[in-house]
Amino acid sequence: MRFVGLILGCAVAAFAGANDTFFIRNADVYPVAAPPEKGVSVLVQDGKIAEIGAKLVAPKGIKVVDAKGMRVYPGFIDSATNLGLQEIQAVRETVDAGELGEFMPQLLALHSVNPESEHFGVVRVNGITSAITLPGLSGGGGGGRGGARAQFISGQAALIHTTGWTWEDMSIARDAAVELSFPSLGGRGGRGGGLPPEIAEMLGEAAGASGANARRTYEEGIAKINQFFDDARHYKAAKDAHTAGLKTDLKFEAMLPVLDRKVPLAVSAATAETMKDAIKFADRQGVRIVIMGPRELGDAGPELKSHNIPVILGRALALPEHEDDSYDQAMALANQFYKAGVKFAFGTFTNEFVRNLPFQAAAASGFGLPPDEALKAITINPAEIWGQSAELGSVEKGKVADLIVTNGDPLEIQTKIEHLYIKGQEVPLTNKQTRLFEKYSARQ
């Protein structure tokens, strides 16, 4: 045993000078996947969590972080952003999302990620260590460059870290999901919503025609999507059969992992009816789906639960969707999904609000969602939804050391993040805003 201990000690000592090896001493650890542990230490070696315990001793020569009175949490995960793809929404030259084409599953968002984006520094300050970046325009879907035609599949979403020299450094999963904008009949009126067809028909012939057109457009959109999937499946069958003369089709090649259920579809569906239609579509095509941005639960809860379909909720700090909705509609939505037994995570869907991710979870907690569930919705739940729970989402031995060290509850706005680690490397909590503050604070 002494020989084994000597070998282990030498191995740790060899990594002691590395940037991704350190020792957090005497902290309160909140693993998320297990009860909190008070006054314990965390050994991080080669970018991964090596040990957690109360009786750990710091190896000789290793960097030690004294965290007495502080807390250690897993880094936060935002499940819907355009990080690295969109800098200034109003300046087209800085936006690399929403490419032209109705069906573009071969496009990889990861390849267009700009590691130098100023947004990354801003979101890290609030504890976001990884995020899903979507190839479609913010809010899901869109009509590509200029919006001339509806886009159904915008490409492959990537799960990335929020720091790195290149997009290769930042990559966690290059094909976390294929983004699909599911057709919708529109809202019930109110804030930007249209009239339902049955109401439009009561208002006269012209309005009724508009409602009929909406229904026809909706059904045509679903038919187009089904046809594309059927064509992709025929391509897969021909490829599996080694059909002579089969030409490689990059769009259908990109769909093979979806058809094999290895990669889910990230399906935008705002209403209960659209969610139920998306579930029918998934059943018909035999694919996995994640519902993106629902604005209501309605009667879709039992179907979502029985099909084990997770959802990514939008911002809780938002106005009600319709004028006749309750004032707390957005804030209470997460608790409705929780009570329905549906797994969910939070996504902000626009880069300007990513920094507020923990406060979105906190707002939901203030309107019925248990605090532990709010924390899970930005840590372990998204890791499980995107297939990365073996590496991310909780403070556990063997996982990647994406950690934050705070002086309190990170869902409280007054809490300060003292240290942030991504893949075991401490990242400075600076950004354009802090640089400008320091610059003008020093002005004489």
Protein backbone atom coordinates (compact mmCIF):
# COMPACT_ATOMS: atom_id res chain seq x y z
CA MET A 1 0.00 0.00 0.00
CA ARG A 2 2.86 2.38 0.78
CA PHE A 3 4.26 1.71 -2.68
CA VAL A 4 0.86 2.49 -4.31
CA GLY A 5 0.59 5.69 -2.25
CA LEU A 6 4.10 6.70 -3.34
CA ILE A 7 3.20 6.17 -6.99
CA LEU A 8 -0.02 8.23 -6.59
CA GLY A 9 1.87 11.00 -4.83
CA CYS A 10 4.48 11.14 -7.58
CA ALA A 11 1.77 11.25 -10.24
CA VAL A 12 0.02 14.17 -8.55
CA ALA A 13 3.32 15.97 -8.02
CA ALA A 14 4.09 15.63 -11.71
CA PHE A 15 0.91 17.55 -12.52
CA ALA A 16 1.19 20.01 -9.64
CA GLY A 17 2.59 22.76 -11.80
CA ALA A 18 -0.02 22.35 -14.54
CA ASN A 19 -2.68 25.00 -15.05
CA ASP A 20 -5.46 22.43 -14.78
CA THR A 21 -4.37 20.88 -11.49
CA PHE A 22 -5.24 22.50 -8.14
CA PHE A 23 -6.72 21.89 -4.69
CA ILE A 24 -9.81 23.64 -3.24
CA ARG A 25 -9.62 23.50 0.54
CA ASN A 26 -12.39 23.61 3.15
CA ALA A 27 -15.33 24.52 0.92
CA ASP A 28 -19.02 23.71 1.06
CA VAL A 29 -19.58 21.59 -2.05
CA TYR A 30 -22.99 21.49 -3.73
CA PRO A 31 -22.75 18.53 -6.14
CA VAL A 32 -26.38 19.01 -7.37
CA ALA A 33 -26.70 15.26 -8.01
CA ALA A 34 -26.19 14.56 -4.28
CA PRO A 35 -26.70 16.34 -0.93
CA PRO A 36 -24.31 19.23 -0.07
CA GLU A 37 -21.09 18.44 1.77
CA LYS A 38 -19.80 20.97 4.28
CA GLY A 39 -16.14 21.72 4.90
CA VAL A 40 -14.66 19.37 2.31
CA SER A 41 -11.83 19.66 -0.20
CA VAL A 42 -11.73 19.04 -3.94
CA LEU A 43 -8.67 17.79 -5.80
CA VAL A 44 -8.63 18.61 -9.52
CA GLN A 45 -6.02 16.82 -11.60
CA ASP A 46 -5.47 17.12 -15.33
CA GLY A 47 -8.71 19.05 -15.76
CA LYS A 48 -10.91 16.52 -14.02
CA ILE A 49 -12.23 16.07 -10.49
CA ALA A 50 -9.95 13.48 -8.89
CA GLU A 51 -11.19 13.37 -5.31
CA ILE A 52 -13.74 14.99 -2.99
CA GLY A 53 -13.53 14.53 0.77
CA ALA A 54 -13.14 16.01 4.23
CA LYS A 55 -9.79 14.39 4.99
CA LEU A 56 -7.95 15.17 1.77
CA VAL A 57 -4.48 16.66 2.09
CA ALA A 58 -3.07 18.95 -0.58
CA PRO A 59 -0.19 17.27 -2.46
CA LYS A 60 3.13 19.00 -2.15
CA GLY A 61 3.66 21.83 -4.61
CA ILE A 62 0.08 21.97 -5.83
CA LYS A 63 -1.83 25.27 -6.14
CA VAL A 64 -4.20 25.62 -3.17
CA VAL A 65 -7.39 27.70 -3.17
CA ASP A 66 -8.54 28.50 0.35
CA ALA A 67 -12.33 28.42 0.10
CA LYS A 68 -13.35 28.60 3.76
CA GLY A 69 -16.85 30.06 3.92
CA MET A 70 -17.30 29.65 0.17
CA ARG A 71 -19.32 27.26 -1.97
CA VAL A 72 -18.43 25.10 -4.96
CA TYR A 73 -21.01 24.43 -7.67
CA PRO A 74 -20.89 22.94 -11.17
CA GLY A 75 -20.69 25.52 -13.94
CA PHE A 76 -23.99 26.57 -15.50
CA ILE A 77 -25.23 25.39 -18.90
CA ASP A 78 -27.44 27.55 -21.13
CA SER A 79 -29.45 25.34 -23.48
CA ALA A 80 -30.34 27.87 -26.19
CA THR A 81 -28.06 30.66 -27.42
CA ASN A 82 -26.34 32.03 -30.51
CA LEU A 83 -23.05 32.49 -28.63
CA GLY A 84 -20.10 32.83 -31.00
CA LEU A 85 -22.41 33.15 -34.00
CA GLN A 86 -23.99 36.52 -33.37
CA GLU A 87 -22.24 39.60 -32.03
CA ILE A 88 -24.54 42.55 -32.77
CA GLN A 89 -27.97 41.44 -33.91
CA ALA A 90 -28.68 44.59 -35.92
CA VAL A 91 -25.38 44.36 -37.85
CA ARG A 92 -25.74 41.59 -40.43
CA GLU A 93 -21.97 41.30 -40.93
CA THR A 94 -21.58 40.12 -37.33
CA VAL A 95 -24.32 37.47 -37.57
CA ASP A 96 -23.41 34.00 -38.77
CA ALA A 97 -26.74 32.29 -38.11
CA GLY A 98 -29.84 31.73 -40.22
CA GLU A 99 -28.25 30.65 -43.49
CA LEU A 100 -30.33 30.38 -46.67
CA GLY A 101 -32.18 27.18 -47.48
CA GLU A 102 -35.25 25.30 -46.26
CA PHE A 103 -33.34 22.15 -45.24
CA MET A 104 -29.68 22.63 -44.25
CA PRO A 105 -28.84 19.86 -41.73
CA GLN A 106 -25.25 19.60 -43.03
CA LEU A 107 -24.32 23.03 -41.61
CA LEU A 108 -22.32 22.87 -38.38
CA ALA A 109 -22.75 25.79 -36.01
CA LEU A 110 -19.47 24.85 -34.35
CA HIS A 111 -17.41 25.70 -37.42
CA SER A 112 -18.60 29.30 -37.35
CA VAL A 113 -18.10 29.96 -33.63
CA ASN A 114 -15.93 33.01 -32.99
CA PRO A 115 -13.87 32.37 -29.83
CA GLU A 116 -13.10 36.10 -29.57
CA SER A 117 -16.74 37.11 -29.18
CA GLU A 118 -17.19 39.65 -26.39
CA HIS A 119 -20.29 37.77 -25.22
CA PHE A 120 -18.23 34.91 -23.80
CA GLY A 121 -16.49 37.08 -21.22
CA VAL A 122 -19.79 38.63 -20.16
CA VAL A 123 -21.55 35.31 -19.55
CA ARG A 124 -18.60 33.72 -17.71
CA VAL A 125 -18.82 36.38 -15.01
CA ASN A 126 -22.19 34.94 -14.01
CA GLY A 127 -21.02 31.33 -13.99
CA ILE A 128 -21.98 30.07 -17.45
CA THR A 129 -19.28 27.59 -18.45
CA SER A 130 -20.99 25.92 -21.42
CA ALA A 131 -23.87 26.54 -23.78
CA ILE A 132 -25.81 25.21 -26.74
CA THR A 133 -25.26 27.48 -29.73
CA LEU A 134 -27.96 27.21 -32.36
CA PRO A 135 -27.46 27.71 -36.11
CA GLY A 136 -30.87 29.34 -36.53
CA LEU A 137 -31.61 32.97 -35.75
CA SER A 138 -32.51 33.88 -32.16
CA GLY A 139 -35.95 32.72 -31.22
CA GLY A 140 -35.77 29.68 -33.45
CA GLY A 141 -36.38 29.38 -37.12
CA GLY A 142 -36.47 32.48 -39.20
CA GLY A 143 -36.34 32.87 -42.88
CA GLY A 144 -32.60 32.77 -43.39
CA ARG A 145 -30.75 35.80 -44.73
CA GLY A 146 -33.48 38.24 -45.50
CA GLY A 147 -36.34 35.92 -44.48
CA ALA A 148 -37.61 35.30 -48.01
CA ARG A 149 -38.66 31.73 -47.26
CA ALA A 150 -39.33 29.79 -44.09
CA GLN A 151 -36.43 27.65 -42.93
CA PHE A 152 -37.25 24.27 -41.45
CA ILE A 153 -33.84 22.76 -40.64
CA SER A 154 -31.11 25.32 -40.01
CA GLY A 155 -28.22 22.99 -39.15
CA GLN A 156 -26.54 21.22 -36.27
CA ALA A 157 -26.42 22.86 -32.86
CA ALA A 158 -23.19 22.54 -30.86
CA LEU A 159 -22.53 22.27 -27.15
CA ILE A 160 -19.48 24.41 -26.40
CA HIS A 161 -17.42 25.70 -23.52
CA THR A 162 -17.42 29.46 -23.08
CA THR A 163 -13.67 29.80 -23.42
CA GLY A 164 -11.01 28.46 -25.75
CA TRP A 165 -8.40 29.51 -28.30
CA THR A 166 -10.30 27.94 -31.21
CA TRP A 167 -13.66 26.34 -31.83
CA GLU A 168 -11.92 22.98 -31.57
CA ASP A 169 -10.83 23.90 -28.03
CA MET A 170 -14.36 24.97 -27.14
CA SER A 171 -16.15 21.94 -28.55
CA ILE A 172 -17.97 19.54 -26.25
CA ALA A 173 -20.39 18.04 -28.80
CA ARG A 174 -20.30 19.24 -32.40
CA ASP A 175 -23.66 17.63 -33.18
CA ALA A 176 -25.63 18.00 -29.95
CA ALA A 177 -28.87 18.32 -31.96
CA VAL A 178 -30.30 19.18 -35.36
CA GLU A 179 -32.42 22.32 -35.14
CA LEU A 180 -35.93 22.04 -36.61
CA SER A 181 -38.42 24.93 -36.74
CA PHE A 182 -41.79 23.22 -36.60
CA PRO A 183 -44.67 25.00 -38.38
CA SER A 184 -47.17 26.82 -36.20
CA LEU A 185 -50.65 28.22 -36.68
CA GLY A 186 -49.71 31.26 -34.60
CA GLY A 187 -50.93 32.59 -31.31
CA ARG A 188 -54.32 33.36 -29.80
CA GLY A 189 -54.03 37.09 -30.31
CA GLY A 190 -52.55 39.57 -27.86
CA ARG A 191 -48.83 40.31 -27.91
CA GLY A 192 -48.03 39.81 -31.57
CA GLY A 193 -50.26 36.76 -31.97
CA GLY A 194 -52.69 36.23 -34.81
CA LEU A 195 -56.35 35.25 -34.64
CA PRO A 196 -57.29 31.58 -34.53
CA PRO A 197 -58.92 30.39 -37.77
CA GLU A 198 -62.31 29.77 -36.10
CA ILE A 199 -62.44 33.37 -34.81
CA ALA A 200 -61.23 34.74 -38.12
CA GLU A 201 -64.04 32.91 -39.88
CA MET A 202 -66.61 34.58 -37.61
CA LEU A 203 -65.28 38.02 -38.57
CA GLY A 204 -65.98 37.75 -42.25
CA GLU A 205 -64.92 36.26 -45.57
CA ALA A 206 -61.56 38.03 -45.83
CA ALA A 207 -60.54 37.13 -42.33
CA GLY A 208 -61.79 33.60 -42.85
CA ALA A 209 -59.69 33.30 -45.97
CA SER A 210 -56.67 34.39 -43.96
CA GLY A 211 -57.39 31.66 -41.42
CA ALA A 212 -57.78 29.07 -44.14
CA ASN A 213 -54.50 30.17 -45.70
CA ALA A 214 -52.76 29.79 -42.35
CA ARG A 215 -54.09 26.25 -41.96
CA ARG A 216 -53.05 25.36 -45.50
CA THR A 217 -49.56 26.81 -44.99
CA TYR A 218 -49.26 24.90 -41.72
CA GLU A 219 -50.21 21.58 -43.28
CA GLU A 220 -47.96 22.19 -46.29
CA GLY A 221 -45.04 22.87 -43.97
CA ILE A 222 -45.55 19.62 -42.07
CA ALA A 223 -45.89 17.74 -45.35
CA LYS A 224 -42.59 19.21 -46.59
CA ILE A 225 -40.81 18.13 -43.43
CA ASN A 226 -42.23 14.62 -43.58
CA GLN A 227 -41.24 14.35 -47.25
CA PHE A 228 -37.67 15.40 -46.45
CA PHE A 229 -37.44 12.80 -43.69
CA ASP A 230 -38.92 10.12 -45.93
CA ASP A 231 -36.37 10.97 -48.63
CA ALA A 232 -33.57 10.82 -46.06
CA ARG A 233 -34.77 7.41 -44.93
CA HIS A 234 -34.83 6.14 -48.53
CA TYR A 235 -31.27 7.41 -48.92
CA LYS A 236 -30.27 5.57 -45.74
CA ALA A 237 -31.85 2.34 -46.99
CA ALA A 238 -30.03 2.64 -50.31
CA LYS A 239 -26.73 3.29 -48.56
CA ASP A 240 -27.21 0.36 -46.17
CA ALA A 241 -27.93 -1.84 -49.18
CA HIS A 242 -24.74 -0.62 -50.93
CA THR A 243 -26.77 0.43 -53.96
CA ALA A 244 -24.54 0.83 -57.00
CA GLY A 245 -24.17 4.36 -58.31
CA LEU A 246 -25.57 6.03 -55.18
CA LYS A 247 -24.28 9.60 -55.03
CA THR A 248 -23.33 11.07 -51.68
CA ASP A 249 -25.83 13.67 -50.48
CA LEU A 250 -24.45 15.81 -47.65
CA LYS A 251 -27.91 16.79 -46.42
CA PHE A 252 -29.05 13.20 -46.08
CA GLU A 253 -25.68 12.14 -44.64
CA ALA A 254 -26.22 14.68 -41.85
CA MET A 255 -29.63 13.16 -41.14
CA LEU A 256 -28.35 9.60 -40.59
CA PRO A 257 -27.55 10.06 -36.86
CA VAL A 258 -31.03 11.56 -36.40
CA LEU A 259 -32.70 8.61 -38.10
CA ASP A 260 -30.59 6.25 -35.98
CA ARG A 261 -31.78 8.10 -32.84
CA LYS A 262 -28.21 8.98 -31.91
CA VAL A 263 -28.82 12.73 -32.24
CA PRO A 264 -32.08 14.45 -31.23
CA LEU A 265 -34.04 17.09 -33.09
CA ALA A 266 -34.30 20.42 -31.28
CA VAL A 267 -37.87 21.28 -32.27
CA SER A 268 -39.26 24.76 -31.73
CA ALA A 269 -42.86 24.53 -30.53
CA ALA A 270 -44.47 27.38 -28.60
CA THR A 271 -47.99 26.11 -27.98
CA ALA A 272 -49.52 22.95 -26.59
CA GLU A 273 -51.08 22.09 -29.95
CA THR A 274 -47.77 22.51 -31.75
CA MET A 275 -46.03 20.33 -29.15
CA LYS A 276 -48.62 17.58 -29.65
CA ASP A 277 -48.22 17.79 -33.42
CA ALA A 278 -44.43 17.59 -32.99
CA ILE A 279 -44.87 14.45 -30.87
CA LYS A 280 -47.02 12.87 -33.61
CA PHE A 281 -44.34 13.76 -36.14
CA ALA A 282 -41.62 12.20 -33.95
CA ASP A 283 -43.69 9.03 -33.55
CA ARG A 284 -44.22 8.75 -37.29
CA GLN A 285 -40.56 9.30 -38.11
CA GLY A 286 -39.17 7.33 -35.17
CA VAL A 287 -36.84 10.12 -34.02
CA ARG A 288 -35.89 11.67 -30.67
CA ILE A 289 -36.93 15.27 -30.04
CA VAL A 290 -36.29 18.05 -27.54
CA ILE A 291 -38.98 20.74 -27.42
CA MET A 292 -37.52 24.25 -27.61
CA GLY A 293 -39.14 27.40 -26.24
CA PRO A 294 -42.66 26.33 -25.20
CA ARG A 295 -44.68 29.27 -23.88
CA GLU A 296 -47.45 27.20 -22.35
CA LEU A 297 -48.05 23.66 -21.14
CA GLY A 298 -51.78 23.32 -21.74
CA ASP A 299 -52.82 19.69 -22.04
CA ALA A 300 -49.51 18.50 -23.54
CA GLY A 301 -48.00 17.42 -20.21
CA PRO A 302 -49.15 13.77 -20.19
CA GLU A 303 -47.91 13.17 -23.75
CA LEU A 304 -44.55 14.79 -23.05
CA LYS A 305 -44.11 12.69 -19.92
CA SER A 306 -45.23 9.40 -21.48
CA HIS A 307 -42.87 9.92 -24.43
CA ASN A 308 -40.03 11.02 -22.12
CA ILE A 309 -39.55 14.22 -24.13
CA PRO A 310 -37.56 16.99 -22.41
CA VAL A 311 -38.14 20.70 -22.99
CA ILE A 312 -35.96 23.81 -23.01
CA LEU A 313 -37.85 26.68 -21.43
CA GLY A 314 -37.24 30.28 -22.44
CA ARG A 315 -36.76 33.28 -20.19
CA ALA A 316 -38.72 33.35 -16.95
CA LEU A 317 -38.07 37.09 -16.62
CA ALA A 318 -40.44 37.98 -19.44
CA LEU A 319 -43.80 39.59 -20.07
CA PRO A 320 -46.88 37.39 -20.43
CA GLU A 321 -47.29 36.01 -23.94
CA HIS A 322 -50.83 37.35 -24.36
CA GLU A 323 -52.72 40.29 -22.93
CA ASP A 324 -55.19 38.09 -21.06
CA ASP A 325 -52.51 35.86 -19.50
CA SER A 326 -51.64 36.06 -15.83
CA TYR A 327 -48.80 38.46 -15.00
CA ASP A 328 -46.66 35.54 -13.78
CA GLN A 329 -47.27 33.33 -16.84
CA ALA A 330 -43.59 33.11 -17.82
CA MET A 331 -42.30 32.82 -14.26
CA ALA A 332 -44.74 30.08 -13.21
CA LEU A 333 -44.28 27.99 -16.37
CA ALA A 334 -41.30 25.98 -15.08
CA ASN A 335 -43.25 24.83 -12.03
CA GLN A 336 -46.08 23.66 -14.29
CA PHE A 337 -43.69 21.44 -16.25
CA TYR A 338 -42.12 20.21 -12.99
CA LYS A 339 -45.52 19.22 -11.59
CA ALA A 340 -46.33 17.46 -14.86
CA GLY A 341 -43.22 15.30 -14.46
CA VAL A 342 -41.51 16.67 -17.59
CA LYS A 343 -37.73 17.10 -17.56
CA PHE A 344 -36.71 20.64 -18.45
CA ALA A 345 -33.79 23.02 -18.62
CA PHE A 346 -33.49 26.76 -19.22
CA GLY A 347 -32.30 28.52 -22.35
CA THR A 348 -32.21 32.25 -22.97
CA PHE A 349 -32.55 32.14 -26.79
CA THR A 350 -30.91 35.57 -27.21
CA ASN A 351 -27.28 36.45 -26.48
CA GLU A 352 -28.12 39.63 -24.59
CA PHE A 353 -29.79 37.67 -21.78
CA VAL A 354 -27.42 34.70 -21.41
CA ARG A 355 -25.67 36.44 -18.52
CA ASN A 356 -28.98 36.36 -16.61
CA LEU A 357 -29.38 32.57 -16.81
CA PRO A 358 -29.08 31.94 -13.03
CA PHE A 359 -31.58 34.71 -12.35
CA GLN A 360 -34.07 33.15 -14.78
CA ALA A 361 -33.88 30.00 -12.68
CA ALA A 362 -34.21 32.10 -9.51
CA ALA A 363 -37.33 33.82 -10.84
CA ALA A 364 -38.94 30.44 -11.51
CA SER A 365 -37.99 29.40 -7.97
CA GLY A 366 -39.80 32.45 -6.64
CA PHE A 367 -42.98 31.29 -8.37
CA GLY A 368 -43.30 27.74 -7.10
CA LEU A 369 -40.36 25.79 -8.53
CA PRO A 370 -38.32 24.15 -5.73
CA PRO A 371 -34.88 25.81 -5.47
CA ASP A 372 -33.06 22.48 -5.94
CA GLU A 373 -34.97 21.91 -9.18
CA ALA A 374 -34.16 25.42 -10.36
CA LEU A 375 -30.45 24.71 -9.88
CA LYS A 376 -30.75 21.36 -11.66
CA ALA A 377 -32.38 23.10 -14.63
CA ILE A 378 -29.12 24.93 -15.38
CA THR A 379 -26.68 22.16 -14.42
CA ILE A 380 -27.41 18.42 -14.43
CA ASN A 381 -30.69 18.53 -16.39
CA PRO A 382 -29.19 20.12 -19.53
CA ALA A 383 -26.19 17.80 -19.26
CA GLU A 384 -28.58 14.83 -19.32
CA ILE A 385 -30.77 16.27 -22.08
CA TRP A 386 -27.76 16.84 -24.38
CA GLY A 387 -26.14 13.49 -23.56
CA GLN A 388 -23.19 14.83 -21.57
CA SER A 389 -24.08 13.88 -17.99
CA ALA A 390 -21.06 11.57 -17.73
CA GLU A 391 -18.80 14.62 -18.09
CA LEU A 392 -20.76 17.71 -17.04
CA GLY A 393 -23.52 19.02 -14.83
CA SER A 394 -22.48 18.06 -11.30
CA VAL A 395 -19.52 18.00 -8.94
CA GLU A 396 -18.53 14.33 -8.97
CA LYS A 397 -15.33 12.34 -9.14
CA GLY A 398 -14.22 11.73 -12.71
CA LYS A 399 -16.17 14.61 -14.27
CA VAL A 400 -14.68 17.57 -16.11
CA ALA A 401 -13.78 20.34 -13.66
CA ASP A 402 -16.24 23.00 -14.86
CA LEU A 403 -16.64 24.67 -11.48
CA ILE A 404 -17.60 27.96 -9.87
CA VAL A 405 -16.57 29.08 -6.39
CA THR A 406 -19.00 31.59 -4.88
CA ASN A 407 -19.53 33.49 -1.64
CA GLY A 408 -23.19 32.44 -1.46
CA ASP A 409 -26.16 31.04 -3.37
CA PRO A 410 -25.43 31.66 -7.08
CA LEU A 411 -29.15 32.15 -7.78
CA GLU A 412 -29.09 35.25 -5.59
CA ILE A 413 -28.18 38.40 -7.48
CA GLN A 414 -25.92 39.74 -4.71
CA THR A 415 -23.73 36.62 -4.74
CA LYS A 416 -20.26 37.06 -6.23
CA ILE A 417 -18.43 34.41 -8.19
CA GLU A 418 -14.88 34.38 -6.83
CA HIS A 419 -13.35 31.76 -9.15
CA LEU A 420 -14.46 30.07 -12.36
CA TYR A 421 -12.81 26.97 -13.84
CA ILE A 422 -13.38 25.45 -17.26
CA LYS A 423 -11.74 22.08 -17.90
CA GLY A 424 -9.79 22.68 -14.71
CA GLN A 425 -8.25 25.96 -15.85
CA GLU A 426 -9.11 29.14 -14.00
CA VAL A 427 -10.58 31.76 -16.32
CA PRO A 428 -10.22 35.46 -15.41
CA LEU A 429 -13.57 37.06 -14.61
CA THR A 430 -12.98 40.00 -16.91
CA ASN A 431 -14.73 41.25 -20.03
CA LYS A 432 -15.26 44.43 -22.03
CA GLN A 433 -17.48 45.86 -19.31
CA THR A 434 -14.94 45.35 -16.52
CA ARG A 435 -12.15 46.71 -18.73
CA LEU A 436 -14.12 49.87 -19.42
CA PHE A 437 -14.92 50.21 -15.72
CA GLU A 438 -11.25 50.00 -14.80
CA LYS A 439 -10.26 52.35 -17.60
CA TYR A 440 -12.62 55.14 -16.62
CA SER A 441 -12.24 54.56 -12.88
CA ALA A 442 -8.56 55.45 -13.32
CA ARG A 443 -9.33 58.68 -15.15
CA GLN A 444 -7.91 61.70 -13.38
